[in-house]
């Protein structure tokens, strides 16, 4: 059994739930309050979730956990076998983590001087993602994969309203940015992925 430590409404935690659900891998969830992550810090040396325990091995970081699940449970695959397709998936995931998420994170809290430029950048980059998806059901084409797992918990706010109990301002900003422009293919993809099982 994989034990995963989480807090409510975490986008990164949802990645693990989606990946494990796709593979029908059970997860033992350990819930923590957002206000008290001391047990997470004690376990992993830092306060971010998710943190997973694979027996005595502790893995932190949502996509690292997803890749670790992929190693132990390779079927059905989330990462492509073809080296070129694998490289493209990893570039997309890294770009999303290091670039796309920058503007919405920067807009949390008092408005920065370049707030409008950040909004425009976010909208432009979201349009690129919609173009990359094209008319395929998933980012890898016909098969649900790691890119979908990585992007969905953030891009879902194009069509999924934040939970009424979710007071995380980052999620409200995502909803605002993602609904600023029409991108029906991306919206259809988000609805499709939202129907996938979670562990």
Protein backbone atom coordinates (compact mmCIF):
# COMPACT_ATOMS: atom_id res chain seq x y z
CA UNK A 1 0.00 0.00 0.00
CA UNK A 2 1.21 3.49 -0.89
CA UNK A 3 0.64 6.10 1.82
CA UNK A 4 0.23 9.67 0.58
CA UNK A 5 0.06 12.73 2.80
CA UNK A 6 -2.27 15.47 1.61
CA UNK A 7 -4.13 18.66 2.49
CA UNK A 8 -7.64 19.57 1.26
CA UNK A 9 -8.10 20.85 -2.31
CA UNK A 10 -4.43 20.47 -3.31
CA UNK A 11 -3.91 20.58 -7.07
CA UNK A 12 -0.68 18.61 -6.77
CA UNK A 13 -2.34 15.92 -4.67
CA UNK A 14 -5.02 15.49 -7.34
CA UNK A 15 -2.30 14.51 -9.81
CA UNK A 16 -1.44 11.49 -7.67
CA UNK A 17 -5.11 10.58 -7.24
CA UNK A 18 -5.62 10.69 -11.02
CA UNK A 19 -2.53 8.64 -11.82
CA UNK A 20 -3.33 5.99 -9.22
CA UNK A 21 -6.98 5.90 -10.27
CA UNK A 22 -5.98 5.33 -13.90
CA UNK A 23 -3.93 2.31 -12.82
CA UNK A 24 -6.42 1.11 -10.16
CA UNK A 25 -3.69 1.45 -7.54
CA UNK A 26 -5.09 1.90 -4.01
CA UNK A 27 -3.79 4.80 -1.95
CA UNK A 28 -3.86 5.14 1.82
CA UNK A 29 -4.48 8.84 2.25
CA UNK A 30 -3.18 10.63 5.33
CA UNK A 31 -4.95 13.94 5.84
CA UNK A 32 -3.33 17.02 7.33
CA UNK A 33 -4.63 20.47 8.09
CA UNK A 34 -3.31 23.23 5.89
CA UNK A 35 -2.58 25.12 9.12
CA UNK A 36 -0.50 22.33 10.67
CA UNK A 37 1.95 20.52 8.42
CA UNK A 38 4.38 19.63 11.18
CA UNK A 39 4.00 15.89 10.53
CA UNK A 40 4.76 16.46 6.82
CA UNK A 41 7.88 18.42 7.74
CA UNK A 42 8.97 15.73 10.18
CA UNK A 43 8.56 13.05 7.51
CA UNK A 44 10.03 14.84 4.50
CA UNK A 45 12.03 17.84 5.74
CA UNK A 46 9.73 20.32 3.99
CA UNK A 47 6.08 21.37 4.12
CA UNK A 48 4.80 20.80 0.58
CA UNK A 49 2.37 18.02 -0.29
CA UNK A 50 1.97 15.42 -1.59
CA UNK A 51 4.54 13.28 0.17
CA UNK A 52 4.36 9.54 -0.46
CA UNK A 53 5.65 6.57 1.47
CA UNK A 54 6.54 3.53 -0.62
CA UNK A 55 7.39 1.27 2.28
CA UNK A 56 10.44 2.87 3.90
CA UNK A 57 11.10 5.13 0.88
CA UNK A 58 9.78 8.70 1.09
CA UNK A 59 9.10 10.50 -2.19
CA UNK A 60 8.04 14.14 -2.35
CA UNK A 61 6.74 16.08 -5.33
CA UNK A 62 3.61 15.13 -7.25
CA UNK A 63 5.16 14.22 -10.60
CA UNK A 64 8.02 12.34 -8.93
CA UNK A 65 5.39 10.30 -7.12
CA UNK A 66 3.52 9.73 -10.40
CA UNK A 67 6.71 8.49 -12.07
CA UNK A 68 7.41 6.21 -9.07
CA UNK A 69 3.92 4.72 -9.39
CA UNK A 70 4.61 4.24 -13.11
CA UNK A 71 7.73 2.20 -12.29
CA UNK A 72 5.88 -0.10 -9.90
CA UNK A 73 2.67 -0.31 -11.97
CA UNK A 74 3.60 0.11 -15.65
CA UNK A 75 0.19 -0.92 -17.03
CA UNK A 76 -1.72 0.92 -18.28
CA UNK A 77 1.14 3.30 -19.08
CA UNK A 78 1.13 7.02 -18.44
CA UNK A 79 4.49 7.68 -20.12
CA UNK A 80 5.04 6.78 -23.80
CA UNK A 81 7.54 4.10 -24.75
CA UNK A 82 8.76 5.99 -27.82
CA UNK A 83 11.84 8.08 -26.84
CA UNK A 84 10.78 11.12 -28.89
CA UNK A 85 7.26 11.11 -27.48
CA UNK A 86 8.66 10.62 -23.97
CA UNK A 87 10.99 13.60 -24.40
CA UNK A 88 8.09 15.75 -25.66
CA UNK A 89 5.96 14.77 -22.66
CA UNK A 90 8.75 15.61 -20.23
CA UNK A 91 9.45 18.97 -21.89
CA UNK A 92 5.75 19.86 -21.72
CA UNK A 93 5.52 18.87 -18.05
CA UNK A 94 8.67 20.81 -17.11
CA UNK A 95 7.55 23.90 -19.08
CA UNK A 96 4.17 23.81 -17.36
CA UNK A 97 5.76 23.51 -13.92
CA UNK A 98 8.44 26.15 -14.41
CA UNK A 99 6.79 28.60 -16.82
CA UNK A 100 3.01 28.35 -17.19
CA UNK A 101 2.35 28.30 -13.44
CA UNK A 102 4.42 31.47 -12.92
CA UNK A 103 1.84 34.18 -13.71
CA UNK A 104 -1.08 32.78 -11.65
CA UNK A 105 1.24 32.24 -8.69
CA UNK A 106 2.56 35.80 -9.02
CA UNK A 107 -1.00 37.16 -8.99
CA UNK A 108 -1.76 35.73 -5.54
CA UNK A 109 -1.85 38.51 -2.96
CA UNK A 110 -1.43 42.23 -3.65
CA UNK A 111 -1.47 42.99 -7.37
CA UNK A 112 2.09 43.31 -8.71
CA UNK A 113 2.99 46.27 -10.99
CA UNK A 114 3.00 43.99 -14.03
CA UNK A 115 -0.30 42.25 -13.21
CA UNK A 116 -1.88 42.97 -16.59
CA UNK A 117 1.18 41.68 -18.44
CA UNK A 118 1.08 38.52 -16.34
CA UNK A 119 -2.59 38.00 -17.19
CA UNK A 120 -1.92 38.46 -20.89
CA UNK A 121 1.02 36.05 -20.74
CA UNK A 122 -1.08 33.43 -18.99
CA UNK A 123 -3.89 33.75 -21.53
CA UNK A 124 -1.45 33.48 -24.44
CA UNK A 125 0.23 30.39 -23.00
CA UNK A 126 -3.14 28.75 -22.32
CA UNK A 127 -4.00 29.32 -25.98
CA UNK A 128 -0.80 27.52 -26.93
CA UNK A 129 -1.81 24.56 -24.79
CA UNK A 130 -5.22 24.46 -26.45
CA UNK A 131 -3.49 24.49 -29.85
CA UNK A 132 -1.15 21.71 -28.73
CA UNK A 133 -4.15 19.62 -27.74
CA UNK A 134 -5.79 20.24 -31.10
CA UNK A 135 -8.81 17.99 -31.59
CA UNK A 136 -7.26 14.92 -29.92
CA UNK A 137 -8.99 13.63 -26.77
CA UNK A 138 -5.76 13.82 -24.74
CA UNK A 139 -2.42 15.58 -24.97
CA UNK A 140 -0.72 12.36 -26.10
CA UNK A 141 -3.41 11.71 -28.71
CA UNK A 142 -5.83 8.86 -28.12
CA UNK A 143 -4.38 7.75 -24.78
CA UNK A 144 -4.61 9.42 -21.37
CA UNK A 145 -1.10 10.12 -20.12
CA UNK A 146 1.26 11.91 -17.77
CA UNK A 147 0.80 15.32 -19.42
CA UNK A 148 -2.94 15.11 -18.76
CA UNK A 149 -2.23 14.14 -15.15
CA UNK A 150 0.15 17.08 -14.73
CA UNK A 151 -2.02 19.76 -16.33
CA UNK A 152 -5.57 18.82 -15.41
CA UNK A 153 -5.72 19.86 -11.71
CA UNK A 154 -4.82 23.40 -12.80
CA UNK A 155 -6.53 23.70 -16.19
CA UNK A 156 -9.75 22.12 -14.90
CA UNK A 157 -10.78 25.52 -13.55
CA UNK A 158 -11.66 26.49 -17.11
CA UNK A 159 -14.89 24.52 -16.58
CA UNK A 160 -14.89 23.25 -12.97
CA UNK A 161 -15.91 25.73 -10.29
CA UNK A 162 -13.80 25.76 -7.11
CA UNK A 163 -15.43 23.89 -4.24
CA UNK A 164 -17.40 26.30 -2.00
CA UNK A 165 -15.20 25.24 0.92
CA UNK A 166 -12.02 25.92 -1.05
CA UNK A 167 -10.70 29.33 0.02
CA UNK A 168 -7.36 29.02 -1.77
CA UNK A 169 -6.99 32.29 -3.77
CA UNK A 170 -4.74 30.58 -6.32
CA UNK A 171 -7.69 28.48 -7.50
CA UNK A 172 -9.92 31.55 -7.91
CA UNK A 173 -7.17 33.21 -9.97
CA UNK A 174 -6.89 30.11 -12.16
CA UNK A 175 -10.64 30.19 -12.79
CA UNK A 176 -10.48 33.89 -13.70
CA UNK A 177 -7.55 33.47 -16.10
CA UNK A 178 -8.79 30.29 -17.75
CA UNK A 179 -12.25 31.70 -18.44
CA UNK A 180 -11.00 34.92 -20.03
CA UNK A 181 -10.87 33.43 -23.55
CA UNK A 182 -12.77 30.74 -25.45
CA UNK A 183 -10.94 27.43 -25.99
CA UNK A 184 -13.62 24.78 -26.55
CA UNK A 185 -11.16 21.96 -27.26
CA UNK A 186 -9.42 22.57 -23.94
CA UNK A 187 -12.76 22.80 -22.14
CA UNK A 188 -13.91 19.48 -23.65
CA UNK A 189 -10.60 17.88 -22.63
CA UNK A 190 -11.05 19.13 -19.05
CA UNK A 191 -14.55 17.66 -18.86
CA UNK A 192 -13.25 14.38 -20.30
CA UNK A 193 -10.42 14.10 -17.77
CA UNK A 194 -12.70 15.15 -14.92
CA UNK A 195 -14.70 11.95 -15.57
CA UNK A 196 -11.62 9.77 -14.95
CA UNK A 197 -11.43 7.81 -11.69
CA UNK A 198 -9.34 8.93 -8.72
CA UNK A 199 -7.88 6.71 -6.02
